Amino acid sequence: MYDCRGKINELIESYLEERDQYVEIKCNQESFKSKQLKAINGVPQGTILGPLFFSIYINDLPTFIKDYAEIVMYADDCALIVSGNDKKEVESKVNKVLNLTNNWLE
């Protein structure tokens, strides 16, 4: 847990609150844009502070999955690596990691 107070807390809150998100697909000369929705969690992508906030946000995920997968994190990206002796073991570990990650996200 990180503790920020005063002006720095206000600055971080203003950076993360009241954001909208949408998906835009450009194909040839056409552009398709989804409905705009409020972003209620996560960090803004494509920003200078995005990787820092993502690292802080996801910092404790490895402790939740350490017995079933390795995690590689860099900037604003992460990869979960699962290995096993056979297909059944890998499948079991993947399902466990997905469940643990889902619980962590909730």
N, C-alpha and C. Protein backbone atom coordinates (compact mmCIF):
# COMPACT_ATOMS: atom_id res chain seq x y z
N MET A 1 0.85 -1.17 0.00
CA MET A 1 0.00 0.00 0.00
C MET A 1 0.90 1.24 0.00
N TYR A 2 0.53 2.20 -0.78
CA TYR A 2 1.28 3.44 -0.87
C TYR A 2 0.43 4.56 -0.28
N ASP A 3 1.08 5.51 0.35
CA ASP A 3 0.37 6.59 1.02
C ASP A 3 0.81 7.93 0.45
N CYS A 4 -0.10 8.60 -0.21
CA CYS A 4 0.16 9.94 -0.74
C CYS A 4 -0.84 10.89 -0.12
N ARG A 5 -0.36 12.04 0.30
CA ARG A 5 -1.24 13.02 0.94
C ARG A 5 -1.03 14.40 0.33
N GLY A 6 -1.96 15.28 0.64
CA GLY A 6 -1.82 16.68 0.26
C GLY A 6 -1.89 16.91 -1.23
N LYS A 7 -1.07 17.83 -1.71
CA LYS A 7 -1.10 18.26 -3.11
C LYS A 7 -0.78 17.12 -4.07
N ILE A 8 0.18 16.26 -3.71
CA ILE A 8 0.53 15.16 -4.60
C ILE A 8 -0.66 14.22 -4.77
N ASN A 9 -1.40 13.96 -3.70
CA ASN A 9 -2.60 13.13 -3.78
C ASN A 9 -3.65 13.78 -4.68
N GLU A 10 -3.85 15.08 -4.52
CA GLU A 10 -4.81 15.80 -5.37
C GLU A 10 -4.40 15.73 -6.84
N LEU A 11 -3.11 15.85 -7.10
CA LEU A 11 -2.61 15.78 -8.47
C LEU A 11 -2.86 14.40 -9.08
N ILE A 12 -2.55 13.36 -8.32
CA ILE A 12 -2.76 11.99 -8.80
C ILE A 12 -4.24 11.73 -9.02
N GLU A 13 -5.09 12.16 -8.10
CA GLU A 13 -6.53 11.96 -8.26
C GLU A 13 -7.04 12.65 -9.52
N SER A 14 -6.61 13.88 -9.75
CA SER A 14 -7.08 14.61 -10.93
C SER A 14 -6.60 13.95 -12.22
N TYR A 15 -5.45 13.28 -12.15
CA TYR A 15 -4.91 12.59 -13.31
C TYR A 15 -5.69 11.32 -13.62
N LEU A 16 -6.18 10.64 -12.59
CA LEU A 16 -6.84 9.35 -12.77
C LEU A 16 -8.36 9.41 -12.85
N GLU A 17 -8.97 10.48 -12.35
CA GLU A 17 -10.44 10.56 -12.31
C GLU A 17 -11.01 11.20 -13.56
N GLU A 18 -12.31 10.96 -13.74
CA GLU A 18 -13.08 11.58 -14.82
C GLU A 18 -12.48 11.34 -16.20
N ARG A 19 -12.14 10.09 -16.46
CA ARG A 19 -11.60 9.73 -17.78
C ARG A 19 -12.64 8.94 -18.55
N ASP A 20 -12.64 9.10 -19.84
CA ASP A 20 -13.51 8.33 -20.73
C ASP A 20 -12.64 7.39 -21.56
N GLN A 21 -13.27 6.33 -22.03
CA GLN A 21 -12.55 5.40 -22.89
C GLN A 21 -13.43 4.99 -24.07
N TYR A 22 -12.80 4.68 -25.17
CA TYR A 22 -13.50 4.19 -26.34
C TYR A 22 -12.50 3.44 -27.22
N VAL A 23 -13.02 2.70 -28.17
CA VAL A 23 -12.20 1.98 -29.13
C VAL A 23 -12.43 2.60 -30.49
N GLU A 24 -11.34 2.85 -31.20
CA GLU A 24 -11.44 3.38 -32.55
C GLU A 24 -10.66 2.48 -33.50
N ILE A 25 -11.31 2.09 -34.58
CA ILE A 25 -10.68 1.25 -35.59
C ILE A 25 -10.65 2.02 -36.90
N LYS A 26 -9.47 2.13 -37.45
CA LYS A 26 -9.31 2.80 -38.73
C LYS A 26 -8.95 1.76 -39.78
N CYS A 27 -9.74 1.70 -40.81
CA CYS A 27 -9.52 0.74 -41.88
C CYS A 27 -9.61 1.50 -43.20
N ASN A 28 -8.50 1.54 -43.90
CA ASN A 28 -8.41 2.33 -45.14
C ASN A 28 -8.78 3.78 -44.83
N GLN A 29 -9.80 4.29 -45.46
CA GLN A 29 -10.20 5.68 -45.23
C GLN A 29 -11.36 5.80 -44.24
N GLU A 30 -11.85 4.67 -43.75
CA GLU A 30 -12.99 4.68 -42.83
C GLU A 30 -12.52 4.58 -41.38
N SER A 31 -13.32 5.14 -40.49
CA SER A 31 -13.02 5.09 -39.07
C SER A 31 -14.30 4.70 -38.32
N PHE A 32 -14.15 3.74 -37.41
CA PHE A 32 -15.28 3.29 -36.61
C PHE A 32 -14.94 3.52 -35.15
N LYS A 33 -15.86 4.15 -34.42
CA LYS A 33 -15.61 4.52 -33.03
C LYS A 33 -16.73 3.96 -32.15
N SER A 34 -16.35 3.29 -31.05
CA SER A 34 -17.34 2.75 -30.13
C SER A 34 -17.95 3.86 -29.29
N LYS A 35 -18.95 3.50 -28.54
CA LYS A 35 -19.56 4.42 -27.59
C LYS A 35 -18.54 4.77 -26.51
N GLN A 36 -18.53 6.01 -26.09
CA GLN A 36 -17.62 6.46 -25.04
C GLN A 36 -18.19 6.12 -23.67
N LEU A 37 -17.35 5.49 -22.82
CA LEU A 37 -17.76 5.10 -21.47
C LEU A 37 -16.78 5.65 -20.44
N LYS A 38 -17.23 5.79 -19.23
CA LYS A 38 -16.36 6.24 -18.13
C LYS A 38 -15.38 5.13 -17.76
N ALA A 39 -14.13 5.47 -17.60
CA ALA A 39 -13.11 4.52 -17.12
C ALA A 39 -13.14 4.58 -15.60
N ILE A 40 -13.44 3.44 -14.97
CA ILE A 40 -13.58 3.45 -13.51
C ILE A 40 -12.36 2.88 -12.79
N ASN A 41 -11.45 2.24 -13.53
CA ASN A 41 -10.22 1.75 -12.91
C ASN A 41 -9.14 1.64 -13.97
N GLY A 42 -7.95 1.25 -13.55
CA GLY A 42 -6.84 1.15 -14.48
C GLY A 42 -6.09 2.47 -14.57
N VAL A 43 -5.15 2.52 -15.48
CA VAL A 43 -4.34 3.73 -15.66
C VAL A 43 -4.36 4.13 -17.13
N PRO A 44 -4.20 5.41 -17.42
CA PRO A 44 -4.22 5.87 -18.81
C PRO A 44 -3.04 5.31 -19.60
N GLN A 45 -3.32 4.83 -20.80
CA GLN A 45 -2.25 4.33 -21.66
C GLN A 45 -1.76 5.47 -22.56
N GLY A 46 -0.53 5.33 -22.99
CA GLY A 46 0.03 6.31 -23.92
C GLY A 46 0.42 7.61 -23.27
N THR A 47 0.61 7.62 -21.96
CA THR A 47 1.00 8.83 -21.26
C THR A 47 2.37 8.62 -20.61
N ILE A 48 3.00 9.70 -20.24
CA ILE A 48 4.32 9.61 -19.62
C ILE A 48 4.24 8.92 -18.26
N LEU A 49 3.22 9.21 -17.48
CA LEU A 49 3.10 8.62 -16.15
C LEU A 49 2.42 7.25 -16.15
N GLY A 50 1.85 6.86 -17.29
CA GLY A 50 1.15 5.58 -17.39
C GLY A 50 1.98 4.39 -16.91
N PRO A 51 3.21 4.21 -17.42
CA PRO A 51 4.01 3.06 -16.97
C PRO A 51 4.29 3.07 -15.47
N LEU A 52 4.54 4.24 -14.89
CA LEU A 52 4.78 4.33 -13.44
C LEU A 52 3.54 3.90 -12.67
N PHE A 53 2.39 4.44 -13.03
CA PHE A 53 1.16 4.10 -12.32
C PHE A 53 0.78 2.64 -12.54
N PHE A 54 1.02 2.11 -13.75
CA PHE A 54 0.75 0.71 -14.00
C PHE A 54 1.62 -0.17 -13.11
N SER A 55 2.90 0.17 -12.99
CA SER A 55 3.81 -0.61 -12.15
C SER A 55 3.35 -0.60 -10.69
N ILE A 56 2.91 0.53 -10.21
CA ILE A 56 2.41 0.63 -8.84
C ILE A 56 1.13 -0.19 -8.70
N TYR A 57 0.25 -0.08 -9.70
CA TYR A 57 -1.04 -0.77 -9.68
C TYR A 57 -0.88 -2.29 -9.66
N ILE A 58 0.06 -2.80 -10.43
CA ILE A 58 0.19 -4.25 -10.61
C ILE A 58 1.29 -4.86 -9.74
N ASN A 59 1.94 -4.06 -8.94
CA ASN A 59 3.13 -4.46 -8.18
C ASN A 59 2.95 -5.72 -7.35
N ASP A 60 1.78 -5.97 -6.78
CA ASP A 60 1.61 -7.14 -5.90
C ASP A 60 1.04 -8.38 -6.61
N LEU A 61 0.75 -8.30 -7.90
CA LEU A 61 0.23 -9.46 -8.62
C LEU A 61 1.16 -10.67 -8.53
N PRO A 62 2.48 -10.53 -8.65
CA PRO A 62 3.34 -11.72 -8.60
C PRO A 62 3.18 -12.55 -7.32
N THR A 63 2.86 -11.93 -6.21
CA THR A 63 2.70 -12.69 -4.97
C THR A 63 1.46 -13.59 -5.02
N PHE A 64 0.48 -13.23 -5.83
CA PHE A 64 -0.75 -14.02 -5.93
C PHE A 64 -0.59 -15.25 -6.81
N ILE A 65 0.35 -15.20 -7.77
CA ILE A 65 0.46 -16.30 -8.73
C ILE A 65 1.80 -17.02 -8.67
N LYS A 66 2.64 -16.69 -7.70
CA LYS A 66 4.02 -17.19 -7.67
C LYS A 66 4.14 -18.72 -7.66
N ASP A 67 3.16 -19.43 -7.14
CA ASP A 67 3.25 -20.89 -7.08
C ASP A 67 2.85 -21.57 -8.40
N TYR A 68 2.29 -20.80 -9.34
CA TYR A 68 1.76 -21.40 -10.56
C TYR A 68 2.34 -20.82 -11.85
N ALA A 69 2.93 -19.62 -11.77
CA ALA A 69 3.44 -18.98 -12.98
C ALA A 69 4.53 -17.99 -12.63
N GLU A 70 5.34 -17.71 -13.63
CA GLU A 70 6.30 -16.62 -13.52
C GLU A 70 5.66 -15.41 -14.16
N ILE A 71 6.07 -14.23 -13.73
CA ILE A 71 5.55 -13.02 -14.34
C ILE A 71 6.72 -12.13 -14.73
N VAL A 72 6.65 -11.61 -15.93
CA VAL A 72 7.66 -10.68 -16.42
C VAL A 72 6.96 -9.34 -16.62
N MET A 73 7.45 -8.31 -15.94
CA MET A 73 6.83 -7.00 -16.04
C MET A 73 7.85 -5.99 -16.54
N TYR A 74 7.42 -5.15 -17.47
CA TYR A 74 8.27 -4.07 -17.97
C TYR A 74 7.38 -2.91 -18.38
N ALA A 75 7.71 -1.74 -17.86
CA ALA A 75 6.95 -0.52 -18.17
C ALA A 75 5.46 -0.76 -17.95
N ASP A 76 4.66 -0.69 -19.01
CA ASP A 76 3.22 -0.87 -18.84
C ASP A 76 2.73 -2.18 -19.46
N ASP A 77 3.54 -3.22 -19.31
CA ASP A 77 3.18 -4.52 -19.87
C ASP A 77 3.57 -5.63 -18.91
N CYS A 78 2.88 -6.74 -18.97
CA CYS A 78 3.28 -7.91 -18.18
C CYS A 78 2.92 -9.17 -18.95
N ALA A 79 3.70 -10.21 -18.72
CA ALA A 79 3.46 -11.50 -19.35
C ALA A 79 3.48 -12.56 -18.26
N LEU A 80 2.52 -13.46 -18.32
CA LEU A 80 2.46 -14.59 -17.39
C LEU A 80 3.01 -15.81 -18.11
N ILE A 81 3.96 -16.50 -17.48
CA ILE A 81 4.60 -17.66 -18.09
C ILE A 81 4.27 -18.90 -17.26
N VAL A 82 3.64 -19.87 -17.91
CA VAL A 82 3.24 -21.11 -17.25
C VAL A 82 3.96 -22.26 -17.95
N SER A 83 4.49 -23.17 -17.16
CA SER A 83 5.15 -24.34 -17.75
C SER A 83 4.75 -25.59 -16.98
N GLY A 84 4.97 -26.73 -17.60
CA GLY A 84 4.64 -28.00 -16.96
C GLY A 84 5.22 -29.16 -17.72
N ASN A 85 5.03 -30.36 -17.20
CA ASN A 85 5.58 -31.56 -17.81
C ASN A 85 4.72 -32.11 -18.94
N ASP A 86 3.44 -31.77 -18.93
CA ASP A 86 2.56 -32.25 -20.00
C ASP A 86 1.41 -31.25 -20.18
N LYS A 87 0.64 -31.49 -21.22
CA LYS A 87 -0.47 -30.59 -21.57
C LYS A 87 -1.46 -30.44 -20.43
N LYS A 88 -1.80 -31.51 -19.77
CA LYS A 88 -2.79 -31.48 -18.69
C LYS A 88 -2.31 -30.61 -17.52
N GLU A 89 -1.02 -30.74 -17.17
CA GLU A 89 -0.47 -29.93 -16.08
C GLU A 89 -0.47 -28.45 -16.45
N VAL A 90 -0.07 -28.14 -17.68
CA VAL A 90 -0.06 -26.74 -18.13
C VAL A 90 -1.47 -26.18 -18.14
N GLU A 91 -2.41 -26.95 -18.65
CA GLU A 91 -3.81 -26.51 -18.69
C GLU A 91 -4.33 -26.23 -17.29
N SER A 92 -4.03 -27.10 -16.35
CA SER A 92 -4.46 -26.93 -14.97
C SER A 92 -3.85 -25.66 -14.36
N LYS A 93 -2.55 -25.45 -14.60
CA LYS A 93 -1.89 -24.25 -14.06
C LYS A 93 -2.44 -22.98 -14.69
N VAL A 94 -2.68 -23.01 -16.01
CA VAL A 94 -3.23 -21.83 -16.69
C VAL A 94 -4.58 -21.46 -16.10
N ASN A 95 -5.43 -22.45 -15.91
CA ASN A 95 -6.75 -22.18 -15.32
C ASN A 95 -6.62 -21.62 -13.91
N LYS A 96 -5.70 -22.17 -13.12
CA LYS A 96 -5.48 -21.67 -11.77
C LYS A 96 -4.97 -20.23 -11.80
N VAL A 97 -4.02 -19.94 -12.68
CA VAL A 97 -3.47 -18.59 -12.80
C VAL A 97 -4.55 -17.61 -13.24
N LEU A 98 -5.38 -18.00 -14.19
CA LEU A 98 -6.47 -17.12 -14.64
C LEU A 98 -7.45 -16.85 -13.51
N ASN A 99 -7.79 -17.86 -12.73
CA ASN A 99 -8.69 -17.67 -11.60
C ASN A 99 -8.07 -16.76 -10.53
N LEU A 100 -6.80 -17.01 -10.21
CA LEU A 100 -6.11 -16.17 -9.23
C LEU A 100 -6.01 -14.72 -9.70
N THR A 101 -5.69 -14.55 -10.99
CA THR A 101 -5.58 -13.19 -11.54
C THR A 101 -6.93 -12.49 -11.53
N ASN A 102 -7.98 -13.22 -11.87
CA ASN A 102 -9.32 -12.66 -11.84
C ASN A 102 -9.69 -12.24 -10.41
N ASN A 103 -9.40 -13.08 -9.43
CA ASN A 103 -9.67 -12.73 -8.03
C ASN A 103 -8.86 -11.51 -7.61
N TRP A 104 -7.61 -11.43 -8.05
CA TRP A 104 -6.78 -10.28 -7.72
C TRP A 104 -7.37 -9.00 -8.33
N LEU A 105 -7.84 -9.10 -9.57
CA LEU A 105 -8.41 -7.92 -10.24
C LEU A 105 -9.68 -7.45 -9.56
N GLU A 106 -10.47 -8.40 -9.04
CA GLU A 106 -11.72 -8.03 -8.36
C GLU A 106 -11.41 -7.38 -7.04
